[in-house]
PDB file of all heavy atoms in Angstrom:
ATOM      1  N   VAL A   1       2.390  13.797   0.586  1.00  0.00           N
ATOM      2  CA  VAL A   1       1.734  12.855   1.500  1.00  0.00           C
ATOM      3  C   VAL A   1       0.847  11.945   0.661  1.00  0.00           C
ATOM      4  O   VAL A   1      -0.021  12.416  -0.077  1.00  0.00           O
ATOM      5  CB  VAL A   1       0.875  13.577   2.559  1.00  0.00           C
ATOM      6  CG1 VAL A   1       0.180  12.559   3.459  1.00  0.00           C
ATOM      7  CG2 VAL A   1       1.739  14.530   3.382  1.00  0.00           C
ATOM      8  N   GLY A   2       1.074  10.640   0.752  1.00  0.00           N
ATOM      9  CA  GLY A   2       0.267   9.671   0.015  1.00  0.00           C
ATOM     10  C   GLY A   2      -0.563   8.835   0.962  1.00  0.00           C
ATOM     11  O   GLY A   2      -0.063   8.372   1.999  1.00  0.00           O
ATOM     12  N   ILE A   3      -1.839   8.646   0.611  1.00  0.00           N
ATOM     13  CA  ILE A   3      -2.761   7.870   1.431  1.00  0.00           C
ATOM     14  C   ILE A   3      -3.183   6.614   0.667  1.00  0.00           C
ATOM     15  O   ILE A   3      -3.644   6.706  -0.470  1.00  0.00           O
ATOM     16  CB  ILE A   3      -4.013   8.691   1.791  1.00  0.00           C
ATOM     17  CG1 ILE A   3      -3.640  10.012   2.466  1.00  0.00           C
ATOM     18  CG2 ILE A   3      -4.959   7.871   2.666  1.00  0.00           C
ATOM     19  CD1 ILE A   3      -2.945   9.880   3.796  1.00  0.00           C
ATOM     20  N   CYS A   4      -3.048   5.445   1.286  1.00  0.00           N
ATOM     21  CA  CYS A   4      -3.442   4.149   0.717  1.00  0.00           C
ATOM     22  C   CYS A   4      -2.782   3.936  -0.649  1.00  0.00           C
ATOM     23  O   CYS A   4      -1.592   3.683  -0.706  1.00  0.00           O
ATOM     24  CB  CYS A   4      -4.965   4.024   0.662  1.00  0.00           C
ATOM     25  SG  CYS A   4      -5.537   2.325   0.387  1.00  0.00           S
ATOM     26  N   PHE A   5      -3.532   4.051  -1.742  1.00  0.00           N
ATOM     27  CA  PHE A   5      -2.922   3.949  -3.074  1.00  0.00           C
ATOM     28  C   PHE A   5      -1.775   4.949  -3.207  1.00  0.00           C
ATOM     29  O   PHE A   5      -0.726   4.632  -3.787  1.00  0.00           O
ATOM     30  CB  PHE A   5      -3.987   4.215  -4.144  1.00  0.00           C
ATOM     31  CG  PHE A   5      -3.452   4.330  -5.538  1.00  0.00           C
ATOM     32  CD1 PHE A   5      -3.357   3.218  -6.358  1.00  0.00           C
ATOM     33  CD2 PHE A   5      -3.073   5.568  -6.048  1.00  0.00           C
ATOM     34  CE1 PHE A   5      -2.856   3.329  -7.652  1.00  0.00           C
ATOM     35  CE2 PHE A   5      -2.581   5.690  -7.335  1.00  0.00           C
ATOM     36  CZ  PHE A   5      -2.473   4.568  -8.143  1.00  0.00           C
ATOM     37  N   GLY A   6      -1.964   6.161  -2.668  1.00  0.00           N
ATOM     38  CA  GLY A   6      -0.904   7.158  -2.735  1.00  0.00           C
ATOM     39  C   GLY A   6       0.337   6.740  -1.964  1.00  0.00           C
ATOM     40  O   GLY A   6       1.469   6.993  -2.398  1.00  0.00           O
ATOM     41  N   HIS A   7       0.136   6.124  -0.824  1.00  0.00           N
ATOM     42  CA  HIS A   7       1.233   5.555  -0.018  1.00  0.00           C
ATOM     43  C   HIS A   7       1.968   4.485  -0.815  1.00  0.00           C
ATOM     44  O   HIS A   7       3.206   4.467  -0.879  1.00  0.00           O
ATOM     45  CB  HIS A   7       0.601   4.983   1.257  1.00  0.00           C
ATOM     46  CG  HIS A   7       1.447   4.069   2.069  1.00  0.00           C
ATOM     47  ND1 HIS A   7       2.398   4.503   2.953  1.00  0.00           N
ATOM     48  CD2 HIS A   7       1.443   2.706   2.171  1.00  0.00           C
ATOM     49  CE1 HIS A   7       2.949   3.472   3.569  1.00  0.00           C
ATOM     50  NE2 HIS A   7       2.392   2.368   3.110  1.00  0.00           N
ATOM     51  N   GLN A   8       1.214   3.616  -1.456  1.00  0.00           N
ATOM     52  CA  GLN A   8       1.813   2.556  -2.262  1.00  0.00           C
ATOM     53  C   GLN A   8       2.519   3.110  -3.495  1.00  0.00           C
ATOM     54  O   GLN A   8       3.570   2.605  -3.901  1.00  0.00           O
ATOM     55  CB  GLN A   8       0.739   1.550  -2.654  1.00  0.00           C
ATOM     56  CG  GLN A   8       0.119   0.826  -1.474  1.00  0.00           C
ATOM     57  CD  GLN A   8      -1.244   0.247  -1.771  1.00  0.00           C
ATOM     58  OE1 GLN A   8      -1.639   0.123  -2.928  1.00  0.00           O
ATOM     59  NE2 GLN A   8      -1.989  -0.091  -0.734  1.00  0.00           N
ATOM     60  N   MET A   9       1.946   4.171  -4.092  1.00  0.00           N
ATOM     61  CA  MET A   9       2.582   4.807  -5.234  1.00  0.00           C
ATOM     62  C   MET A   9       3.936   5.390  -4.853  1.00  0.00           C
ATOM     63  O   MET A   9       4.916   5.280  -5.602  1.00  0.00           O
ATOM     64  CB  MET A   9       1.657   5.891  -5.799  1.00  0.00           C
ATOM     65  CG  MET A   9       2.270   6.736  -6.917  1.00  0.00           C
ATOM     66  SD  MET A   9       2.929   5.764  -8.306  1.00  0.00           S
ATOM     67  CE  MET A   9       1.429   5.014  -8.935  1.00  0.00           C
ATOM     68  N   ILE A  10       4.006   6.021  -3.687  1.00  0.00           N
ATOM     69  CA  ILE A  10       5.286   6.515  -3.188  1.00  0.00           C
ATOM     70  C   ILE A  10       6.282   5.365  -3.075  1.00  0.00           C
ATOM     71  O   ILE A  10       7.430   5.472  -3.506  1.00  0.00           O
ATOM     72  CB  ILE A  10       5.091   7.224  -1.834  1.00  0.00           C
ATOM     73  CG1 ILE A  10       4.424   8.587  -2.033  1.00  0.00           C
ATOM     74  CG2 ILE A  10       6.415   7.375  -1.082  1.00  0.00           C
ATOM     75  CD1 ILE A  10       3.956   9.245  -0.748  1.00  0.00           C
ATOM     76  N   GLY A  11       5.822   4.253  -2.472  1.00  0.00           N
ATOM     77  CA  GLY A  11       6.707   3.108  -2.308  1.00  0.00           C
ATOM     78  C   GLY A  11       7.232   2.595  -3.634  1.00  0.00           C
ATOM     79  O   GLY A  11       8.441   2.354  -3.794  1.00  0.00           O
ATOM     80  N   GLN A  12       6.349   2.425  -4.609  1.00  0.00           N
ATOM     81  CA  GLN A  12       6.760   1.884  -5.907  1.00  0.00           C
ATOM     82  C   GLN A  12       7.620   2.869  -6.688  1.00  0.00           C
ATOM     83  O   GLN A  12       8.663   2.499  -7.240  1.00  0.00           O
ATOM     84  CB  GLN A  12       5.519   1.519  -6.718  1.00  0.00           C
ATOM     85  CG  GLN A  12       5.829   1.012  -8.131  1.00  0.00           C
ATOM     86  CD  GLN A  12       4.597   0.449  -8.809  1.00  0.00           C
ATOM     87  OE1 GLN A  12       4.122  -0.624  -8.446  1.00  0.00           O
ATOM     88  NE2 GLN A  12       4.072   1.167  -9.782  1.00  0.00           N
ATOM     89  N   ALA A  13       7.202   4.139  -6.745  1.00  0.00           N
ATOM     90  CA  ALA A  13       7.915   5.130  -7.551  1.00  0.00           C
ATOM     91  C   ALA A  13       9.328   5.377  -7.040  1.00  0.00           C
ATOM     92  O   ALA A  13      10.229   5.693  -7.835  1.00  0.00           O
ATOM     93  CB  ALA A  13       7.139   6.443  -7.565  1.00  0.00           C
ATOM     94  N   LEU A  14       9.535   5.228  -5.733  1.00  0.00           N
ATOM     95  CA  LEU A  14      10.842   5.532  -5.153  1.00  0.00           C
ATOM     96  C   LEU A  14      11.695   4.287  -4.926  1.00  0.00           C
ATOM     97  O   LEU A  14      12.699   4.350  -4.224  1.00  0.00           O
ATOM     98  CB  LEU A  14      10.655   6.313  -3.853  1.00  0.00           C
ATOM     99  CG  LEU A  14       9.947   7.673  -4.019  1.00  0.00           C
ATOM    100  CD1 LEU A  14       9.884   8.414  -2.692  1.00  0.00           C
ATOM    101  CD2 LEU A  14      10.634   8.534  -5.075  1.00  0.00           C
ATOM    102  N   GLY A  15      11.291   3.173  -5.538  1.00  0.00           N
ATOM    103  CA  GLY A  15      12.177   2.007  -5.555  1.00  0.00           C
ATOM    104  C   GLY A  15      11.779   0.834  -4.708  1.00  0.00           C
ATOM    105  O   GLY A  15      12.528  -0.131  -4.594  1.00  0.00           O
ATOM    106  N   GLY A  16      10.588   0.867  -4.105  1.00  0.00           N
ATOM    107  CA  GLY A  16      10.117  -0.269  -3.324  1.00  0.00           C
ATOM    108  C   GLY A  16       9.260  -1.201  -4.158  1.00  0.00           C
ATOM    109  O   GLY A  16       9.251  -1.130  -5.393  1.00  0.00           O
ATOM    110  N   ARG A  17       8.521  -2.072  -3.474  1.00  0.00           N
ATOM    111  CA  ARG A  17       7.673  -3.038  -4.164  1.00  0.00           C
ATOM    112  C   ARG A  17       6.310  -3.099  -3.487  1.00  0.00           C
ATOM    113  O   ARG A  17       6.218  -3.098  -2.251  1.00  0.00           O
ATOM    114  CB  ARG A  17       8.329  -4.426  -4.157  1.00  0.00           C
ATOM    115  CG  ARG A  17       7.566  -5.479  -4.965  1.00  0.00           C
ATOM    116  CD  ARG A  17       8.332  -6.793  -5.001  1.00  0.00           C
ATOM    117  NE  ARG A  17       7.625  -7.812  -5.763  1.00  0.00           N
ATOM    118  CZ  ARG A  17       7.670  -7.949  -7.085  1.00  0.00           C
ATOM    119  NH1 ARG A  17       8.410  -7.098  -7.788  1.00  0.00           N
ATOM    120  NH2 ARG A  17       7.007  -8.900  -7.703  1.00  0.00           N
ATOM    121  N   VAL A  18       5.269  -3.171  -4.300  1.00  0.00           N
ATOM    122  CA  VAL A  18       3.890  -3.275  -3.806  1.00  0.00           C
ATOM    123  C   VAL A  18       3.277  -4.540  -4.389  1.00  0.00           C
ATOM    124  O   VAL A  18       3.419  -4.824  -5.579  1.00  0.00           O
ATOM    125  CB  VAL A  18       3.061  -2.044  -4.224  1.00  0.00           C
ATOM    126  CG1 VAL A  18       1.609  -2.209  -3.795  1.00  0.00           C
ATOM    127  CG2 VAL A  18       3.660  -0.772  -3.626  1.00  0.00           C
ATOM    128  N   GLU A  19       2.578  -5.303  -3.534  1.00  0.00           N
ATOM    129  CA  GLU A  19       1.976  -6.562  -3.980  1.00  0.00           C
ATOM    130  C   GLU A  19       0.631  -6.769  -3.294  1.00  0.00           C
ATOM    131  O   GLU A  19       0.319  -6.112  -2.291  1.00  0.00           O
ATOM    132  CB  GLU A  19       2.896  -7.738  -3.648  1.00  0.00           C
ATOM    133  CG  GLU A  19       4.239  -7.698  -4.359  1.00  0.00           C
ATOM    134  CD  GLU A  19       5.148  -8.824  -3.905  1.00  0.00           C
ATOM    135  OE1 GLU A  19       5.715  -8.729  -2.794  1.00  0.00           O
ATOM    136  OE2 GLU A  19       5.270  -9.810  -4.669  1.00  0.00           O
ATOM    137  N   ARG A  20      -0.147  -7.693  -3.834  1.00  0.00           N
ATOM    138  CA  ARG A  20      -1.368  -8.114  -3.158  1.00  0.00           C
ATOM    139  C   ARG A  20      -0.991  -8.741  -1.822  1.00  0.00           C
ATOM    140  O   ARG A  20      -0.145  -9.629  -1.754  1.00  0.00           O
ATOM    141  CB  ARG A  20      -2.111  -9.121  -4.043  1.00  0.00           C
ATOM    142  CG  ARG A  20      -3.500  -9.531  -3.573  1.00  0.00           C
ATOM    143  CD  ARG A  20      -4.463  -8.380  -3.477  1.00  0.00           C
ATOM    144  NE  ARG A  20      -4.589  -7.553  -4.665  1.00  0.00           N
ATOM    145  CZ  ARG A  20      -5.421  -7.768  -5.685  1.00  0.00           C
ATOM    146  NH1 ARG A  20      -6.214  -8.834  -5.670  1.00  0.00           N
ATOM    147  NH2 ARG A  20      -5.469  -6.943  -6.706  1.00  0.00           N
ATOM    148  N   TRP A  21      -1.619  -8.273  -0.737  1.00  0.00           N
ATOM    149  CA  TRP A  21      -1.222  -8.677   0.605  1.00  0.00           C
ATOM    150  C   TRP A  21      -1.691 -10.099   0.885  1.00  0.00           C
ATOM    151  O   TRP A  21      -2.873 -10.410   0.714  1.00  0.00           O
ATOM    152  CB  TRP A  21      -1.802  -7.699   1.617  1.00  0.00           C
ATOM    153  CG  TRP A  21      -1.212  -7.789   2.983  1.00  0.00           C
ATOM    154  CD1 TRP A  21      -1.862  -8.047   4.150  1.00  0.00           C
ATOM    155  CD2 TRP A  21       0.156  -7.596   3.340  1.00  0.00           C
ATOM    156  NE1 TRP A  21      -0.997  -8.030   5.211  1.00  0.00           N
ATOM    157  CE2 TRP A  21       0.260  -7.753   4.733  1.00  0.00           C
ATOM    158  CE3 TRP A  21       1.315  -7.299   2.608  1.00  0.00           C
ATOM    159  CZ2 TRP A  21       1.472  -7.633   5.419  1.00  0.00           C
ATOM    160  CZ3 TRP A  21       2.515  -7.180   3.276  1.00  0.00           C
ATOM    161  CH2 TRP A  21       2.583  -7.348   4.665  1.00  0.00           C
ATOM    162  N   PRO A  22      -0.795 -10.990   1.327  1.00  0.00           N
ATOM    163  CA  PRO A  22      -1.176 -12.394   1.522  1.00  0.00           C
ATOM    164  C   PRO A  22      -2.206 -12.624   2.625  1.00  0.00           C
ATOM    165  O   PRO A  22      -2.887 -13.648   2.620  1.00  0.00           O
ATOM    166  CB  PRO A  22       0.157 -13.077   1.853  1.00  0.00           C
ATOM    167  CG  PRO A  22       1.064 -11.989   2.318  1.00  0.00           C
ATOM    168  CD  PRO A  22       0.651 -10.779   1.556  1.00  0.00           C
ATOM    169  N   LEU A  23      -2.348 -11.689   3.555  1.00  0.00           N
ATOM    170  CA  LEU A  23      -3.331 -11.846   4.631  1.00  0.00           C
ATOM    171  C   LEU A  23      -4.720 -11.387   4.219  1.00  0.00           C
ATOM    172  O   LEU A  23      -5.649 -11.433   5.017  1.00  0.00           O
ATOM    173  CB  LEU A  23      -2.875 -11.087   5.876  1.00  0.00           C
ATOM    174  CG  LEU A  23      -1.573 -11.576   6.523  1.00  0.00           C
ATOM    175  CD1 LEU A  23      -1.244 -10.753   7.753  1.00  0.00           C
ATOM    176  CD2 LEU A  23      -1.663 -13.056   6.881  1.00  0.00           C
ATOM    177  N   GLY A  24      -4.880 -10.941   2.976  1.00  0.00           N
ATOM    178  CA  GLY A  24      -6.198 -10.580   2.473  1.00  0.00           C
ATOM    179  C   GLY A  24      -6.543  -9.115   2.682  1.00  0.00           C
ATOM    180  O   GLY A  24      -5.682  -8.266   2.924  1.00  0.00           O
ATOM    181  N   TRP A  25      -7.839  -8.842   2.586  1.00  0.00           N
ATOM    182  CA  TRP A  25      -8.346  -7.485   2.694  1.00  0.00           C
ATOM    183  C   TRP A  25      -8.078  -6.892   4.073  1.00  0.00           C
ATOM    184  O   TRP A  25      -8.272  -7.558   5.098  1.00  0.00           O
ATOM    185  CB  TRP A  25      -9.853  -7.472   2.467  1.00  0.00           C
ATOM    186  CG  TRP A  25     -10.269  -7.406   1.036  1.00  0.00           C
ATOM    187  CD1 TRP A  25     -10.531  -8.443   0.198  1.00  0.00           C
ATOM    188  CD2 TRP A  25     -10.494  -6.224   0.261  1.00  0.00           C
ATOM    189  NE1 TRP A  25     -10.901  -7.992  -1.046  1.00  0.00           N
ATOM    190  CE2 TRP A  25     -10.893  -6.629  -1.028  1.00  0.00           C
ATOM    191  CE3 TRP A  25     -10.413  -4.850   0.538  1.00  0.00           C
ATOM    192  CZ2 TRP A  25     -11.195  -5.716  -2.047  1.00  0.00           C
ATOM    193  CZ3 TRP A  25     -10.713  -3.948  -0.464  1.00  0.00           C
ATOM    194  CH2 TRP A  25     -11.095  -4.382  -1.733  1.00  0.00           C
ATOM    195  N   GLY A  26      -7.681  -5.634   4.081  1.00  0.00           N
ATOM    196  CA  GLY A  26      -7.650  -4.854   5.306  1.00  0.00           C
ATOM    197  C   GLY A  26      -8.860  -3.937   5.312  1.00  0.00           C
ATOM    198  O   GLY A  26      -8.977  -3.053   4.455  1.00  0.00           O
ATOM    199  N   VAL A  27      -9.790  -4.146   6.225  1.00  0.00           N
ATOM    200  CA  VAL A  27     -11.020  -3.353   6.292  1.00  0.00           C
ATOM    201  C   VAL A  27     -11.357  -3.066   7.754  1.00  0.00           C
ATOM    202  O   VAL A  27     -10.926  -3.781   8.659  1.00  0.00           O
ATOM    203  CB  VAL A  27     -12.214  -4.074   5.607  1.00  0.00           C
ATOM    204  CG1 VAL A  27     -12.104  -4.002   4.096  1.00  0.00           C
ATOM    205  CG2 VAL A  27     -12.314  -5.530   6.055  1.00  0.00           C
ATOM    206  N   GLY A  28     -12.146  -2.028   7.962  1.00  0.00           N
ATOM    207  CA  GLY A  28     -12.525  -1.660   9.318  1.00  0.00           C
ATOM    208  C   GLY A  28     -11.490  -0.775   9.981  1.00  0.00           C
ATOM    209  O   GLY A  28     -10.510  -0.340   9.364  1.00  0.00           O
ATOM    210  N   ILE A  29     -11.693  -0.513  11.261  1.00  0.00           N
ATOM    211  CA  ILE A  29     -10.787   0.339  12.026  1.00  0.00           C
ATOM    212  C   ILE A  29      -9.717  -0.533  12.671  1.00  0.00           C
ATOM    213  O   ILE A  29     -10.024  -1.463  13.414  1.00  0.00           O
ATOM    214  CB  ILE A  29     -11.557   1.136  13.091  1.00  0.00           C
ATOM    215  CG1 ILE A  29     -12.572   2.070  12.411  1.00  0.00           C
ATOM    216  CG2 ILE A  29     -10.593   1.948  13.960  1.00  0.00           C
ATOM    217  CD1 ILE A  29     -13.474   2.807  13.372  1.00  0.00           C
ATOM    218  N   HIS A  30      -8.464  -0.223  12.365  1.00  0.00           N
ATOM    219  CA  HIS A  30      -7.320  -0.978  12.887  1.00  0.00           C
ATOM    220  C   HIS A  30      -6.530  -0.119  13.867  1.00  0.00           C
ATOM    221  O   HIS A  30      -6.539   1.106  13.792  1.00  0.00           O
ATOM    222  CB  HIS A  30      -6.394  -1.411  11.744  1.00  0.00           C
ATOM    223  CG  HIS A  30      -6.931  -2.533  10.925  1.00  0.00           C
ATOM    224  ND1 HIS A  30      -6.224  -3.691  10.685  1.00  0.00           N
ATOM    225  CD2 HIS A  30      -8.110  -2.681  10.272  1.00  0.00           C
ATOM    226  CE1 HIS A  30      -6.935  -4.502   9.922  1.00  0.00           C
ATOM    227  NE2 HIS A  30      -8.080  -3.907   9.655  1.00  0.00           N
TER     228      HIS A  30
END
């Protein structure tokens, strides 16, 4: 189970792509 960076690490390590999000920072409760 990967959380935030861990989630992105799963995506990258298993063949996906991670990038700086064009909509900017995600902060607060969504």
